[in-house]
Amino acid sequence: MTNSNQLQGIDVSHYQGTVDWVKVKAAGIAFAYAKATDGNTYTDPQFHTNWQGMQAAGILRGAYHFYETNDDPIIQANNFINTVGSLAANDLPPVVDIEIFKGAYGNNSVATNLQTWLNAVEQALGRTPMIYTGPSFWNQTINADFSKYPLWVAEYGVSTPKIPQGWATWNFWQYTQNGTVDGVTGNVDLDYYAGGKITL
């Protein structure tokens, strides 16, 4: 499934409650993503605590937005930008999590609206965003070439994840949602980075 130089990470939201990031770091977790926002207006109540806690514990940190396909992409982007504020040089790329189709906003395709979000976030935060998705959802719903963006693929129960159309390889892989890590209560998503040092 992996080799020894792949870094281990987790991703969290308010569902994990209060995370002890010092224990998470001691458990060998090198990086983590925290949910920041969802749709037009929602802010994860644990985001700012997680954001500060990851940095204080010395864990490479990132923030993600859960994308609602039927919401305005510009309003969604602004919600994320205003919540995160700014990124430090060593923070991980901002992420858009797109995995559920609820209809497309306006007269544009989901792919067009997604591109609008990506452009707005990249311009505001000065970093190329990463796309989190599953191969089945992506191929059925979007099926467009976004290969200029790093890929965070989600697929469980396999030795190697399928790659959604438009990419040649993955950068991050969420390989289970039922992981356990010291410092986190209950199950948590586990992720690999495809390499020994994160250079995104």
Protein backbone atom coordinates (compact mmCIF):
# COMPACT_ATOMS: atom_id res chain seq x y z
CA MET A 1 0.00 0.00 0.00
CA THR A 2 2.77 2.41 0.90
CA ASN A 3 6.49 2.69 1.19
CA SER A 4 8.55 3.93 4.08
CA ASN A 5 9.09 7.43 2.75
CA GLN A 6 5.39 8.31 2.46
CA LEU A 7 4.28 10.81 5.05
CA GLN A 8 1.21 10.04 7.15
CA GLY A 9 -1.50 12.65 7.75
CA ILE A 10 -5.06 13.11 8.95
CA ASP A 11 -7.94 15.42 8.16
CA VAL A 12 -10.45 16.63 10.71
CA SER A 13 -13.57 18.70 11.25
CA HIS A 14 -15.80 19.51 14.21
CA TYR A 15 -16.90 15.86 14.16
CA GLN A 16 -13.60 14.98 15.86
CA GLY A 17 -14.25 17.44 18.68
CA THR A 18 -11.20 18.80 20.47
CA VAL A 19 -7.99 17.33 19.07
CA ASP A 20 -4.81 17.03 21.15
CA TRP A 21 -2.37 18.05 18.44
CA VAL A 22 0.71 17.43 20.59
CA LYS A 23 -0.32 13.78 20.94
CA VAL A 24 -1.13 13.62 17.22
CA LYS A 25 2.36 14.86 16.39
CA ALA A 26 3.91 12.35 18.81
CA ALA A 27 1.94 9.58 17.08
CA GLY A 28 3.91 10.23 13.90
CA ILE A 29 1.46 12.43 12.00
CA ALA A 30 3.38 14.82 9.76
CA PHE A 31 0.56 16.83 8.22
CA ALA A 32 -3.11 17.57 8.75
CA TYR A 33 -6.00 19.32 7.08
CA ALA A 34 -8.84 20.96 8.99
CA LYS A 35 -12.25 21.83 7.59
CA ALA A 36 -12.67 25.59 7.43
CA THR A 37 -15.93 26.21 5.61
CA ASP A 38 -18.87 24.67 3.77
CA GLY A 39 -20.98 26.33 1.10
CA ASN A 40 -21.83 30.03 1.23
CA THR A 41 -21.93 30.72 4.95
CA TYR A 42 -20.91 27.80 7.18
CA THR A 43 -17.72 27.97 9.22
CA ASP A 44 -16.54 24.89 11.08
CA PRO A 45 -16.66 25.74 14.80
CA GLN A 46 -13.39 23.91 15.48
CA PHE A 47 -11.43 25.39 12.60
CA HIS A 48 -9.60 28.22 14.36
CA THR A 49 -8.72 25.98 17.33
CA ASN A 50 -7.40 23.29 14.97
CA TRP A 51 -5.59 25.83 12.79
CA GLN A 52 -3.67 27.24 15.75
CA GLY A 53 -3.17 23.85 17.38
CA MET A 54 -1.62 22.24 14.31
CA GLN A 55 0.90 25.05 13.98
CA ALA A 56 1.77 25.07 17.68
CA ALA A 57 2.40 21.30 17.60
CA GLY A 58 4.69 21.55 14.59
CA ILE A 59 2.37 19.74 12.18
CA LEU A 60 2.22 20.93 8.57
CA ARG A 61 -1.26 22.38 8.32
CA GLY A 62 -3.83 22.96 5.63
CA ALA A 63 -7.42 24.17 5.35
CA TYR A 64 -10.23 22.84 3.17
CA HIS A 65 -13.60 24.02 1.93
CA PHE A 66 -16.51 21.64 1.34
CA TYR A 67 -17.92 22.72 -2.01
CA GLU A 68 -21.67 22.82 -2.56
CA THR A 69 -22.35 22.47 -6.29
CA ASN A 70 -25.63 24.41 -6.04
CA ASP A 71 -24.13 27.45 -4.25
CA ASP A 72 -22.52 30.53 -5.76
CA PRO A 73 -18.79 29.75 -6.27
CA ILE A 74 -17.68 33.34 -5.58
CA ILE A 75 -19.61 33.55 -2.31
CA GLN A 76 -18.19 30.15 -1.34
CA ALA A 77 -14.67 31.28 -2.17
CA ASN A 78 -15.07 34.45 -0.13
CA ASN A 79 -16.40 32.44 2.81
CA PHE A 80 -13.25 30.31 2.73
CA ILE A 81 -10.86 33.22 2.13
CA ASN A 82 -12.34 35.30 4.95
CA THR A 83 -12.22 32.36 7.37
CA VAL A 84 -8.64 31.31 6.64
CA GLY A 85 -7.37 34.88 6.35
CA SER A 86 -3.93 34.23 4.94
CA LEU A 87 -1.45 31.40 4.53
CA ALA A 88 2.08 31.19 5.89
CA ALA A 89 4.85 30.15 3.50
CA ASN A 90 5.00 26.62 4.93
CA ASP A 91 1.23 26.03 5.06
CA LEU A 92 -0.18 23.37 2.76
CA PRO A 93 -2.19 24.40 -0.32
CA PRO A 94 -5.83 25.38 0.18
CA VAL A 95 -8.19 22.55 -0.75
CA VAL A 96 -11.63 22.35 -2.33
CA ASP A 97 -13.48 19.17 -1.33
CA ILE A 98 -15.94 18.34 -4.11
CA GLU A 99 -17.68 14.99 -3.78
CA ILE A 100 -21.49 15.47 -3.83
CA PHE A 101 -23.69 16.73 -6.67
CA LYS A 102 -26.73 18.81 -5.67
CA GLY A 103 -27.28 20.44 -9.04
CA ALA A 104 -25.25 23.14 -10.73
CA TYR A 105 -25.40 26.80 -9.73
CA GLY A 106 -26.71 29.23 -12.34
CA ASN A 107 -26.35 28.48 -16.02
CA ASN A 108 -22.81 27.15 -15.80
CA SER A 109 -21.53 23.59 -15.53
CA VAL A 110 -20.13 22.31 -12.25
CA ALA A 111 -16.68 22.37 -13.86
CA THR A 112 -17.01 26.04 -14.84
CA ASN A 113 -18.17 27.03 -11.37
CA LEU A 114 -15.39 25.01 -9.76
CA GLN A 115 -12.87 26.85 -11.90
CA THR A 116 -14.35 30.15 -10.69
CA TRP A 117 -13.79 29.07 -7.06
CA LEU A 118 -10.24 27.95 -7.78
CA ASN A 119 -9.37 31.21 -9.53
CA ALA A 120 -10.76 33.35 -6.71
CA VAL A 121 -8.96 31.43 -3.97
CA GLU A 122 -5.66 31.34 -5.83
CA GLN A 123 -5.78 35.08 -6.47
CA ALA A 124 -6.64 35.91 -2.86
CA LEU A 125 -4.29 33.50 -1.06
CA GLY A 126 -1.45 33.39 -3.55
CA ARG A 127 -1.32 29.59 -3.70
CA THR A 128 -2.47 27.04 -6.26
CA PRO A 129 -5.34 25.13 -4.63
CA MET A 130 -5.60 21.35 -4.48
CA ILE A 131 -8.72 19.36 -5.44
CA TYR A 132 -10.07 16.62 -3.17
CA THR A 133 -12.44 14.20 -4.88
CA GLY A 134 -13.32 10.58 -5.50
CA PRO A 135 -12.74 8.94 -8.88
CA SER A 136 -16.33 7.79 -9.38
CA PHE A 137 -17.88 11.17 -8.52
CA TRP A 138 -15.36 13.10 -10.60
CA ASN A 139 -15.66 10.96 -13.71
CA GLN A 140 -19.47 11.00 -13.62
CA THR A 141 -20.03 14.63 -12.64
CA ILE A 142 -17.15 16.80 -13.82
CA ASN A 143 -15.03 14.75 -16.20
CA ALA A 144 -12.83 17.70 -17.16
CA ASP A 145 -9.11 18.32 -17.15
CA PHE A 146 -7.94 20.08 -13.99
CA SER A 147 -4.47 18.54 -14.10
CA LYS A 148 -2.74 21.86 -13.29
CA TYR A 149 -4.04 21.42 -9.74
CA PRO A 150 -2.62 18.90 -7.26
CA LEU A 151 -4.91 15.93 -6.60
CA TRP A 152 -6.07 14.60 -3.25
CA VAL A 153 -7.93 11.41 -4.11
CA ALA A 154 -10.30 9.55 -1.78
CA GLU A 155 -10.69 5.82 -2.21
CA TYR A 156 -10.89 3.16 0.49
CA GLY A 157 -10.17 -0.54 0.64
CA VAL A 158 -7.73 -0.63 -2.28
CA SER A 159 -3.97 -1.07 -2.55
CA THR A 160 -3.71 1.71 -5.14
CA PRO A 161 -6.35 4.39 -5.73
CA LYS A 162 -7.91 4.95 -9.13
CA ILE A 163 -6.95 8.28 -10.65
CA PRO A 164 -9.82 10.55 -11.80
CA GLN A 165 -9.82 11.65 -15.41
CA GLY A 166 -7.43 14.49 -16.13
CA TRP A 167 -4.63 13.50 -13.75
CA ALA A 168 -1.70 11.14 -14.11
CA THR A 169 -1.03 10.59 -10.43
CA TRP A 170 -2.10 11.59 -6.92
CA ASN A 171 -0.41 13.92 -4.43
CA PHE A 172 -2.45 12.99 -1.37
CA TRP A 173 -4.55 9.87 -0.84
CA GLN A 174 -7.27 9.54 1.78
CA TYR A 175 -7.26 5.78 2.20
CA THR A 176 -9.64 5.26 5.13
CA GLN A 177 -12.24 7.11 7.16
CA ASN A 178 -11.98 4.69 10.07
CA GLY A 179 -8.47 5.37 11.30
CA THR A 180 -7.40 5.78 14.91
CA VAL A 181 -4.72 8.20 16.06
CA ASP A 182 -3.65 9.07 19.58
CA GLY A 183 -5.00 12.53 20.43
CA VAL A 184 -8.18 12.13 18.35
CA THR A 185 -11.40 10.80 19.86
CA GLY A 186 -13.12 8.23 17.66
CA ASN A 187 -12.45 7.55 14.01
CA VAL A 188 -10.49 9.91 11.80
CA ASP A 189 -9.62 10.08 8.10
CA LEU A 190 -6.08 8.90 7.32
CA ASP A 191 -4.02 10.19 4.40
CA TYR A 192 -0.72 9.61 2.67
CA TYR A 193 1.47 12.07 0.85
CA ALA A 194 3.17 10.57 -2.20
CA GLY A 195 6.74 11.30 -1.25
CA GLY A 196 9.18 11.92 1.54
CA LYS A 197 9.01 15.72 1.72
CA ILE A 198 6.02 17.88 0.91
CA THR A 199 6.97 20.35 -1.78
CA LEU A 200 3.56 21.60 -2.96
